[in-house]
């Protein structure tokens, strides 16, 4: 039986969290879960994650993996909360160490380990994992960030931010460690998958000509319709287009809290003596 994918969309951060299930063994993985965060009050909450927990429990599933396609800059991950509730192991691409190194300095995090030990598993290109009877493979797809990976489970690929829906294009590359030429090569890896491979997107903002959010496409559709890579765009042309476009984009509104939490695998900073955890706001650093 093919992988079953159920998606939960968080409108506040435009994030699609996917639960991929092996129907035969009733085991599953969660890809890119969201911890709710109100920037104005500094409060976290778990309603988005609770919906996923409730679904897994109601379906009688066993959670094996909590997978991060990259270190997100637009939402906080709920991986530790879900792991505490349901078990499972956290996994991310080995490039997370590069992200930790860069942003550990940006945020002035002294004595912060930048070897990825906060996660249970660091994946390299070509690594495999299992969800019951389903085989998963890891494709490193950096460019948006050094940690970006595509997780392919059966006929389903989870591409993170590397590609969006065809009418929305591809990821930005102007964050520290990003690179448009590298992203172009990563996109070619995804497009080399079988044409019928289902691709699940991490974010959607609606296209110009549609009213509904969407998060599932195919390799064939991306080849034919993606507005940033169709028509045989060369690497040089893509780099020029991507660089010019990125220069016009503002920073994601949650980038500073998100990165501080997500390089810690979703754990909040250790509390001060008063029992309160604090995030830093680096001035003029990005």
C-alpha atoms as a PDB file:
ATOM      1  CA  UNK A   1       0.000   0.000   0.000  1.00  0.00           C
ATOM      2  CA  UNK A   2       1.309   3.507  -0.788  1.00  0.00           C
ATOM      3  CA  UNK A   3       2.115   6.059   1.865  1.00  0.00           C
ATOM      4  CA  UNK A   4      -0.901   7.885   3.221  1.00  0.00           C
ATOM      5  CA  UNK A   5      -0.354  11.637   3.728  1.00  0.00           C
ATOM      6  CA  UNK A   6      -2.603  13.819   5.886  1.00  0.00           C
ATOM      7  CA  UNK A   7      -1.869  17.534   6.013  1.00  0.00           C
ATOM      8  CA  UNK A   8      -2.549  20.148   8.686  1.00  0.00           C
ATOM      9  CA  UNK A   9      -2.327  23.759   7.522  1.00  0.00           C
ATOM     10  CA  UNK A  10      -1.436  26.547   9.951  1.00  0.00           C
ATOM     11  CA  UNK A  11      -2.816  29.735   8.432  1.00  0.00           C
ATOM     12  CA  UNK A  12      -0.957  31.998  10.879  1.00  0.00           C
ATOM     13  CA  UNK A  13       2.409  30.921   9.428  1.00  0.00           C
ATOM     14  CA  UNK A  14       1.206  29.486   6.095  1.00  0.00           C
ATOM     15  CA  UNK A  15       2.829  26.190   7.077  1.00  0.00           C
ATOM     16  CA  UNK A  16       1.746  22.743   5.931  1.00  0.00           C
ATOM     17  CA  UNK A  17       2.602  19.968   8.393  1.00  0.00           C
ATOM     18  CA  UNK A  18       2.385  16.501   6.919  1.00  0.00           C
ATOM     19  CA  UNK A  19       1.723  13.190   8.659  1.00  0.00           C
ATOM     20  CA  UNK A  20       2.942  10.306   6.487  1.00  0.00           C
ATOM     21  CA  UNK A  21       1.601   6.905   7.477  1.00  0.00           C
ATOM     22  CA  UNK A  22       2.272   3.288   6.605  1.00  0.00           C
ATOM     23  CA  UNK A  23      -1.273   1.852   6.633  1.00  0.00           C
ATOM     24  CA  UNK A  24      -0.006  -1.714   7.042  1.00  0.00           C
ATOM     25  CA  UNK A  25       1.904  -1.158  10.284  1.00  0.00           C
ATOM     26  CA  UNK A  26      -0.037   1.885  11.564  1.00  0.00           C
ATOM     27  CA  UNK A  27       3.242   3.757  12.040  1.00  0.00           C
ATOM     28  CA  UNK A  28       3.872   7.334  10.968  1.00  0.00           C
ATOM     29  CA  UNK A  29       6.161  10.330  10.775  1.00  0.00           C
ATOM     30  CA  UNK A  30       5.396  14.012  11.243  1.00  0.00           C
ATOM     31  CA  UNK A  31       7.101  16.486   8.898  1.00  0.00           C
ATOM     32  CA  UNK A  32       7.596  20.147   9.931  1.00  0.00           C
ATOM     33  CA  UNK A  33       5.259  20.623  12.943  1.00  0.00           C
ATOM     34  CA  UNK A  34       4.348  24.109  14.190  1.00  0.00           C
ATOM     35  CA  UNK A  35       4.470  25.543  17.705  1.00  0.00           C
ATOM     36  CA  UNK A  36       2.073  28.482  17.950  1.00  0.00           C
ATOM     37  CA  UNK A  37       3.808  31.722  18.911  1.00  0.00           C
ATOM     38  CA  UNK A  38       2.357  35.166  19.505  1.00  0.00           C
ATOM     39  CA  UNK A  39       5.183  37.629  18.943  1.00  0.00           C
ATOM     40  CA  UNK A  40       3.363  40.522  20.600  1.00  0.00           C
ATOM     41  CA  UNK A  41       2.974  38.748  23.940  1.00  0.00           C
ATOM     42  CA  UNK A  42       5.858  36.290  23.680  1.00  0.00           C
ATOM     43  CA  UNK A  43       3.483  33.419  24.422  1.00  0.00           C
ATOM     44  CA  UNK A  44       3.689  29.933  22.981  1.00  0.00           C
ATOM     45  CA  UNK A  45       0.759  27.553  22.694  1.00  0.00           C
ATOM     46  CA  UNK A  46       0.132  24.119  21.234  1.00  0.00           C
ATOM     47  CA  UNK A  47      -3.221  24.141  19.456  1.00  0.00           C
ATOM     48  CA  UNK A  48      -1.642  23.366  16.057  1.00  0.00           C
ATOM     49  CA  UNK A  49       0.449  20.543  17.505  1.00  0.00           C
ATOM     50  CA  UNK A  50      -2.462  19.230  19.549  1.00  0.00           C
ATOM     51  CA  UNK A  51      -4.501  18.753  16.379  1.00  0.00           C
ATOM     52  CA  UNK A  52      -1.740  16.501  15.047  1.00  0.00           C
ATOM     53  CA  UNK A  53      -1.428  14.603  18.334  1.00  0.00           C
ATOM     54  CA  UNK A  54      -5.194  14.109  18.442  1.00  0.00           C
ATOM     55  CA  UNK A  55      -5.202  12.764  14.882  1.00  0.00           C
ATOM     56  CA  UNK A  56      -2.383  10.292  15.547  1.00  0.00           C
ATOM     57  CA  UNK A  57      -4.040   9.058  18.718  1.00  0.00           C
ATOM     58  CA  UNK A  58      -7.488   8.812  17.121  1.00  0.00           C
ATOM     59  CA  UNK A  59      -6.081   6.772  14.232  1.00  0.00           C
ATOM     60  CA  UNK A  60      -4.226   4.458  16.604  1.00  0.00           C
ATOM     61  CA  UNK A  61      -0.854   5.279  15.035  1.00  0.00           C
ATOM     62  CA  UNK A  62       2.626   4.916  16.477  1.00  0.00           C
ATOM     63  CA  UNK A  63       4.930   7.874  15.834  1.00  0.00           C
ATOM     64  CA  UNK A  64       8.436   6.904  14.728  1.00  0.00           C
ATOM     65  CA  UNK A  65       9.909  10.127  13.334  1.00  0.00           C
ATOM     66  CA  UNK A  66       9.553  13.881  13.635  1.00  0.00           C
ATOM     67  CA  UNK A  67      11.345  15.212  10.566  1.00  0.00           C
ATOM     68  CA  UNK A  68      12.475  18.766   9.856  1.00  0.00           C
ATOM     69  CA  UNK A  69      13.104  19.609   6.222  1.00  0.00           C
ATOM     70  CA  UNK A  70      15.347  22.488   7.396  1.00  0.00           C
ATOM     71  CA  UNK A  71      15.826  25.061  10.152  1.00  0.00           C
ATOM     72  CA  UNK A  72      12.712  27.137   9.639  1.00  0.00           C
ATOM     73  CA  UNK A  73      12.798  30.936   9.710  1.00  0.00           C
ATOM     74  CA  UNK A  74       9.036  31.523   9.700  1.00  0.00           C
ATOM     75  CA  UNK A  75       7.697  29.339  12.497  1.00  0.00           C
ATOM     76  CA  UNK A  76       8.826  27.643  15.682  1.00  0.00           C
ATOM     77  CA  UNK A  77       8.922  23.860  15.577  1.00  0.00           C
ATOM     78  CA  UNK A  78       6.743  21.807  17.917  1.00  0.00           C
ATOM     79  CA  UNK A  79       9.013  18.762  17.673  1.00  0.00           C
ATOM     80  CA  UNK A  80       9.878  18.546  21.402  1.00  0.00           C
ATOM     81  CA  UNK A  81       6.242  18.865  22.440  1.00  0.00           C
ATOM     82  CA  UNK A  82       5.084  16.151  20.055  1.00  0.00           C
ATOM     83  CA  UNK A  83       7.976  13.916  21.061  1.00  0.00           C
ATOM     84  CA  UNK A  84       7.055  14.322  24.736  1.00  0.00           C
ATOM     85  CA  UNK A  85       3.462  13.409  23.952  1.00  0.00           C
ATOM     86  CA  UNK A  86       3.956  10.557  21.496  1.00  0.00           C
ATOM     87  CA  UNK A  87       7.610   9.529  21.368  1.00  0.00           C
ATOM     88  CA  UNK A  88       9.560   9.187  18.145  1.00  0.00           C
ATOM     89  CA  UNK A  89      12.954  10.480  17.073  1.00  0.00           C
ATOM     90  CA  UNK A  90      13.781  13.927  15.673  1.00  0.00           C
ATOM     91  CA  UNK A  91      15.731  14.148  12.431  1.00  0.00           C
ATOM     92  CA  UNK A  92      17.207  16.876  10.238  1.00  0.00           C
ATOM     93  CA  UNK A  93      19.906  17.243   7.600  1.00  0.00           C
ATOM     94  CA  UNK A  94      23.522  17.273   8.740  1.00  0.00           C
ATOM     95  CA  UNK A  95      23.835  20.798   7.340  1.00  0.00           C
ATOM     96  CA  UNK A  96      22.121  21.985  10.499  1.00  0.00           C
ATOM     97  CA  UNK A  97      25.574  22.267  12.048  1.00  0.00           C
ATOM     98  CA  UNK A  98      26.435  25.039   9.578  1.00  0.00           C
ATOM     99  CA  UNK A  99      23.225  26.875  10.464  1.00  0.00           C
ATOM    100  CA  UNK A 100      23.930  26.462  14.174  1.00  0.00           C
ATOM    101  CA  UNK A 101      27.431  27.819  13.729  1.00  0.00           C
ATOM    102  CA  UNK A 102      26.287  30.933  11.870  1.00  0.00           C
ATOM    103  CA  UNK A 103      23.314  31.797  14.068  1.00  0.00           C
ATOM    104  CA  UNK A 104      24.982  30.817  17.298  1.00  0.00           C
ATOM    105  CA  UNK A 105      27.294  33.748  16.562  1.00  0.00           C
ATOM    106  CA  UNK A 106      24.467  36.024  15.371  1.00  0.00           C
ATOM    107  CA  UNK A 107      22.609  35.513  18.643  1.00  0.00           C
ATOM    108  CA  UNK A 108      25.712  35.547  20.830  1.00  0.00           C
ATOM    109  CA  UNK A 109      24.989  32.083  22.241  1.00  0.00           C
ATOM    110  CA  UNK A 110      27.974  31.253  24.400  1.00  0.00           C
ATOM    111  CA  UNK A 111      28.781  27.587  25.011  1.00  0.00           C
ATOM    112  CA  UNK A 112      26.114  26.560  22.498  1.00  0.00           C
ATOM    113  CA  UNK A 113      26.966  23.175  20.912  1.00  0.00           C
ATOM    114  CA  UNK A 114      26.991  23.447  17.121  1.00  0.00           C
ATOM    115  CA  UNK A 115      27.383  19.742  16.353  1.00  0.00           C
ATOM    116  CA  UNK A 116      23.673  18.966  15.983  1.00  0.00           C
ATOM    117  CA  UNK A 117      23.444  16.966  19.191  1.00  0.00           C
ATOM    118  CA  UNK A 118      20.070  18.577  19.958  1.00  0.00           C
ATOM    119  CA  UNK A 119      18.531  16.262  17.332  1.00  0.00           C
ATOM    120  CA  UNK A 120      18.288  12.469  17.549  1.00  0.00           C
ATOM    121  CA  UNK A 121      19.412  11.908  13.959  1.00  0.00           C
ATOM    122  CA  UNK A 122      21.446  13.927  11.473  1.00  0.00           C
ATOM    123  CA  UNK A 123      20.814  12.763   7.916  1.00  0.00           C
ATOM    124  CA  UNK A 124      23.306  12.861   5.057  1.00  0.00           C
ATOM    125  CA  UNK A 125      22.577  12.556   1.354  1.00  0.00           C
ATOM    126  CA  UNK A 126      21.520   9.021   0.482  1.00  0.00           C
ATOM    127  CA  UNK A 127      20.709   7.963   4.031  1.00  0.00           C
ATOM    128  CA  UNK A 128      17.653   5.778   4.490  1.00  0.00           C
ATOM    129  CA  UNK A 129      15.042   5.349   7.197  1.00  0.00           C
ATOM    130  CA  UNK A 130      11.897   3.332   7.649  1.00  0.00           C
ATOM    131  CA  UNK A 131       8.291   4.028   8.549  1.00  0.00           C
ATOM    132  CA  UNK A 132       6.969   0.550   9.090  1.00  0.00           C
ATOM    133  CA  UNK A 133       7.120  -1.210   5.723  1.00  0.00           C
ATOM    134  CA  UNK A 134       7.772   2.066   3.894  1.00  0.00           C
ATOM    135  CA  UNK A 135      11.316   2.933   2.913  1.00  0.00           C
ATOM    136  CA  UNK A 136      12.456   6.529   3.078  1.00  0.00           C
ATOM    137  CA  UNK A 137      15.503   8.109   1.486  1.00  0.00           C
ATOM    138  CA  UNK A 138      17.152  11.442   2.166  1.00  0.00           C
ATOM    139  CA  UNK A 139      18.184  13.824  -0.601  1.00  0.00           C
ATOM    140  CA  UNK A 140      20.210  16.816   0.517  1.00  0.00           C
ATOM    141  CA  UNK A 141      18.721  19.848  -1.248  1.00  0.00           C
ATOM    142  CA  UNK A 142      20.550  22.915   0.118  1.00  0.00           C
ATOM    143  CA  UNK A 143      20.377  26.405  -1.321  1.00  0.00           C
ATOM    144  CA  UNK A 144      17.580  27.931   0.712  1.00  0.00           C
ATOM    145  CA  UNK A 145      19.558  26.890   3.798  1.00  0.00           C
ATOM    146  CA  UNK A 146      22.510  24.495   4.252  1.00  0.00           C
ATOM    147  CA  UNK A 147      20.306  22.087   6.236  1.00  0.00           C
ATOM    148  CA  UNK A 148      17.591  21.596   3.616  1.00  0.00           C
ATOM    149  CA  UNK A 149      16.653  18.001   2.826  1.00  0.00           C
ATOM    150  CA  UNK A 150      13.957  16.332   0.791  1.00  0.00           C
ATOM    151  CA  UNK A 151      12.539  13.201   2.416  1.00  0.00           C
ATOM    152  CA  UNK A 152      11.183  10.712  -0.132  1.00  0.00           C
ATOM    153  CA  UNK A 153       8.884   8.055   1.334  1.00  0.00           C
ATOM    154  CA  UNK A 154       7.455   5.606  -1.175  1.00  0.00           C
ATOM    155  CA  UNK A 155       5.972   7.841  -3.913  1.00  0.00           C
ATOM    156  CA  UNK A 156       5.831  10.972  -1.738  1.00  0.00           C
ATOM    157  CA  UNK A 157       8.526  13.643  -1.478  1.00  0.00           C
ATOM    158  CA  UNK A 158       8.580  16.282   1.243  1.00  0.00           C
ATOM    159  CA  UNK A 159      10.535  19.192  -0.194  1.00  0.00           C
ATOM    160  CA  UNK A 160      10.333  21.811   2.560  1.00  0.00           C
ATOM    161  CA  UNK A 161      10.829  25.308   1.156  1.00  0.00           C
ATOM    162  CA  UNK A 162      13.033  24.270  -1.770  1.00  0.00           C
ATOM    163  CA  UNK A 163      10.062  24.444  -4.118  1.00  0.00           C
ATOM    164  CA  UNK A 164       6.584  25.878  -3.682  1.00  0.00           C
ATOM    165  CA  UNK A 165       3.445  25.155  -5.668  1.00  0.00           C
ATOM    166  CA  UNK A 166       4.105  25.670  -9.399  1.00  0.00           C
ATOM    167  CA  UNK A 167       2.413  29.072  -9.460  1.00  0.00           C
ATOM    168  CA  UNK A 168       4.587  30.303  -6.572  1.00  0.00           C
ATOM    169  CA  UNK A 169       8.032  29.173  -7.694  1.00  0.00           C
ATOM    170  CA  UNK A 170      11.026  28.469  -5.506  1.00  0.00           C
ATOM    171  CA  UNK A 171      12.675  29.381  -2.213  1.00  0.00           C
ATOM    172  CA  UNK A 172      14.642  32.518  -1.458  1.00  0.00           C
ATOM    173  CA  UNK A 173      18.407  32.147  -1.066  1.00  0.00           C
ATOM    174  CA  UNK A 174      19.475  35.324   0.741  1.00  0.00           C
ATOM    175  CA  UNK A 175      19.618  33.984   4.297  1.00  0.00           C
ATOM    176  CA  UNK A 176      23.128  33.338   5.671  1.00  0.00           C
ATOM    177  CA  UNK A 177      24.357  30.125   4.074  1.00  0.00           C
ATOM    178  CA  UNK A 178      21.887  30.323   1.193  1.00  0.00           C
ATOM    179  CA  UNK A 179      23.046  30.167  -2.413  1.00  0.00           C
ATOM    180  CA  UNK A 180      21.022  30.415  -5.628  1.00  0.00           C
ATOM    181  CA  UNK A 181      23.354  28.266  -7.724  1.00  0.00           C
ATOM    182  CA  UNK A 182      23.200  25.540  -5.091  1.00  0.00           C
ATOM    183  CA  UNK A 183      19.403  25.792  -5.017  1.00  0.00           C
ATOM    184  CA  UNK A 184      19.268  25.327  -8.789  1.00  0.00           C
ATOM    185  CA  UNK A 185      21.241  22.086  -8.491  1.00  0.00           C
ATOM    186  CA  UNK A 186      19.009  20.908  -5.651  1.00  0.00           C
ATOM    187  CA  UNK A 187      15.892  21.549  -7.714  1.00  0.00           C
ATOM    188  CA  UNK A 188      17.331  19.379 -10.486  1.00  0.00           C
ATOM    189  CA  UNK A 189      17.633  16.514  -7.986  1.00  0.00           C
ATOM    190  CA  UNK A 190      13.940  16.807  -7.170  1.00  0.00           C
ATOM    191  CA  UNK A 191      12.930  17.054 -10.812  1.00  0.00           C
ATOM    192  CA  UNK A 192      14.927  13.894 -11.544  1.00  0.00           C
ATOM    193  CA  UNK A 193      12.530  11.858  -9.409  1.00  0.00           C
ATOM    194  CA  UNK A 194       9.840   9.830 -11.225  1.00  0.00           C
ATOM    195  CA  UNK A 195       7.273  12.090 -12.886  1.00  0.00           C
ATOM    196  CA  UNK A 196       4.380  10.754 -10.802  1.00  0.00           C
ATOM    197  CA  UNK A 197       6.139  11.391  -7.490  1.00  0.00           C
ATOM    198  CA  UNK A 198       3.857  13.383  -5.239  1.00  0.00           C
ATOM    199  CA  UNK A 199       5.578  16.491  -3.846  1.00  0.00           C
ATOM    200  CA  UNK A 200       4.397  17.995  -0.575  1.00  0.00           C
ATOM    201  CA  UNK A 201       5.181  21.635   0.055  1.00  0.00           C
ATOM    202  CA  UNK A 202       5.927  23.227   3.434  1.00  0.00           C
ATOM    203  CA  UNK A 203       4.425  26.671   2.767  1.00  0.00           C
ATOM    204  CA  UNK A 204       1.753  28.144   0.545  1.00  0.00           C
ATOM    205  CA  UNK A 205       0.566  31.716   0.109  1.00  0.00           C
ATOM    206  CA  UNK A 206      -2.011  31.099  -2.659  1.00  0.00           C
ATOM    207  CA  UNK A 207      -1.216  31.831  -6.277  1.00  0.00           C
ATOM    208  CA  UNK A 208      -2.415  34.855  -8.199  1.00  0.00           C
ATOM    209  CA  UNK A 209      -5.217  32.882  -9.835  1.00  0.00           C
ATOM    210  CA  UNK A 210      -6.448  30.639  -6.995  1.00  0.00           C
ATOM    211  CA  UNK A 211      -8.391  31.276  -3.829  1.00  0.00           C
ATOM    212  CA  UNK A 212      -7.468  28.156  -1.861  1.00  0.00           C
ATOM    213  CA  UNK A 213      -4.278  27.059  -0.158  1.00  0.00           C
ATOM    214  CA  UNK A 214      -2.544  24.052  -1.695  1.00  0.00           C
ATOM    215  CA  UNK A 215       0.394  21.858  -0.737  1.00  0.00           C
ATOM    216  CA  UNK A 216       0.487  18.852  -3.074  1.00  0.00           C
ATOM    217  CA  UNK A 217       1.825  18.710  -6.606  1.00  0.00           C
ATOM    218  CA  UNK A 218       3.910  16.291  -8.691  1.00  0.00           C
ATOM    219  CA  UNK A 219       7.305  16.242 -10.329  1.00  0.00           C
ATOM    220  CA  UNK A 220       5.602  16.356 -13.741  1.00  0.00           C
ATOM    221  CA  UNK A 221       3.581  19.433 -12.781  1.00  0.00           C
ATOM    222  CA  UNK A 222       6.657  21.198 -11.444  1.00  0.00           C
ATOM    223  CA  UNK A 223       8.583  20.520 -14.649  1.00  0.00           C
ATOM    224  CA  UNK A 224       5.768  21.828 -16.820  1.00  0.00           C
ATOM    225  CA  UNK A 225       4.372  24.667 -14.737  1.00  0.00           C
ATOM    226  CA  UNK A 226       6.748  25.997 -12.081  1.00  0.00           C
ATOM    227  CA  UNK A 227       7.097  29.691 -12.871  1.00  0.00           C
ATOM    228  CA  UNK A 228      10.751  29.814 -11.781  1.00  0.00           C
ATOM    229  CA  UNK A 229      12.158  26.739 -13.507  1.00  0.00           C
ATOM    230  CA  UNK A 230      10.022  25.965 -16.570  1.00  0.00           C
ATOM    231  CA  UNK A 231      10.979  26.797 -20.151  1.00  0.00           C
ATOM    232  CA  UNK A 232      14.511  25.450 -19.757  1.00  0.00           C
ATOM    233  CA  UNK A 233      15.839  28.268 -17.571  1.00  0.00           C
ATOM    234  CA  UNK A 234      19.623  27.912 -17.316  1.00  0.00           C
ATOM    235  CA  UNK A 235      21.523  27.957 -14.036  1.00  0.00           C
ATOM    236  CA  UNK A 236      22.912  31.401 -14.886  1.00  0.00           C
ATOM    237  CA  UNK A 237      19.442  32.705 -15.671  1.00  0.00           C
ATOM    238  CA  UNK A 238      18.003  31.231 -12.499  1.00  0.00           C
ATOM    239  CA  UNK A 239      20.769  32.711 -10.321  1.00  0.00           C
ATOM    240  CA  UNK A 240      20.242  36.153 -11.883  1.00  0.00           C
ATOM    241  CA  UNK A 241      16.465  35.994 -11.460  1.00  0.00           C
ATOM    242  CA  UNK A 242      16.617  34.569  -7.934  1.00  0.00           C
ATOM    243  CA  UNK A 243      19.218  37.079  -6.729  1.00  0.00           C
ATOM    244  CA  UNK A 244      17.309  40.049  -8.115  1.00  0.00           C
ATOM    245  CA  UNK A 245      14.052  38.847  -6.608  1.00  0.00           C
ATOM    246  CA  UNK A 246      15.580  38.099  -3.202  1.00  0.00           C
ATOM    247  CA  UNK A 247      16.926  41.645  -3.024  1.00  0.00           C
ATOM    248  CA  UNK A 248      13.320  42.904  -2.927  1.00  0.00           C
ATOM    249  CA  UNK A 249      12.105  40.617  -0.110  1.00  0.00           C
ATOM    250  CA  UNK A 250      11.752  41.595   3.532  1.00  0.00           C
ATOM    251  CA  UNK A 251      12.750  39.298   6.381  1.00  0.00           C
ATOM    252  CA  UNK A 252      10.082  36.851   7.664  1.00  0.00           C
ATOM    253  CA  UNK A 253       8.342  38.367  10.677  1.00  0.00           C
ATOM    254  CA  UNK A 254       9.238  35.448  12.952  1.00  0.00           C
ATOM    255  CA  UNK A 255      12.793  34.877  11.759  1.00  0.00           C
ATOM    256  CA  UNK A 256      14.498  35.956  14.998  1.00  0.00           C
ATOM    257  CA  UNK A 257      12.454  33.886  17.441  1.00  0.00           C
ATOM    258  CA  UNK A 258      12.196  30.971  15.011  1.00  0.00           C
ATOM    259  CA  UNK A 259      15.894  30.550  14.402  1.00  0.00           C
ATOM    260  CA  UNK A 260      16.825  30.830  18.069  1.00  0.00           C
ATOM    261  CA  UNK A 261      14.416  28.049  18.944  1.00  0.00           C
ATOM    262  CA  UNK A 262      14.834  25.872  15.870  1.00  0.00           C
ATOM    263  CA  UNK A 263      18.632  25.600  16.010  1.00  0.00           C
ATOM    264  CA  UNK A 264      17.931  24.121  19.460  1.00  0.00           C
ATOM    265  CA  UNK A 265      15.666  21.486  17.845  1.00  0.00           C
ATOM    266  CA  UNK A 266      12.647  23.354  19.201  1.00  0.00           C
ATOM    267  CA  UNK A 267      13.737  23.634  22.813  1.00  0.00           C
ATOM    268  CA  UNK A 268      13.302  27.051  24.395  1.00  0.00           C
ATOM    269  CA  UNK A 269      16.369  28.766  25.871  1.00  0.00           C
ATOM    270  CA  UNK A 270      17.199  27.739  29.417  1.00  0.00           C
ATOM    271  CA  UNK A 271      15.313  29.933  31.904  1.00  0.00           C
ATOM    272  CA  UNK A 272      17.058  32.640  33.901  1.00  0.00           C
ATOM    273  CA  UNK A 273      17.106  32.623  37.676  1.00  0.00           C
ATOM    274  CA  UNK A 274      13.571  34.022  37.710  1.00  0.00           C
ATOM    275  CA  UNK A 275      12.279  30.971  35.824  1.00  0.00           C
ATOM    276  CA  UNK A 276      11.591  32.872  32.589  1.00  0.00           C
ATOM    277  CA  UNK A 277      13.142  32.018  29.199  1.00  0.00           C
ATOM    278  CA  UNK A 278      14.298  34.895  27.040  1.00  0.00           C
ATOM    279  CA  UNK A 279      14.947  35.371  23.327  1.00  0.00           C
ATOM    280  CA  UNK A 280      17.502  37.843  21.990  1.00  0.00           C
ATOM    281  CA  UNK A 281      16.909  40.493  19.352  1.00  0.00           C
ATOM    282  CA  UNK A 282      20.229  41.195  17.585  1.00  0.00           C
ATOM    283  CA  UNK A 283      20.259  44.742  16.253  1.00  0.00           C
ATOM    284  CA  UNK A 284      21.452  45.391  12.700  1.00  0.00           C
ATOM    285  CA  UNK A 285      22.789  41.841  12.394  1.00  0.00           C
ATOM    286  CA  UNK A 286      20.670  40.571   9.483  1.00  0.00           C
END
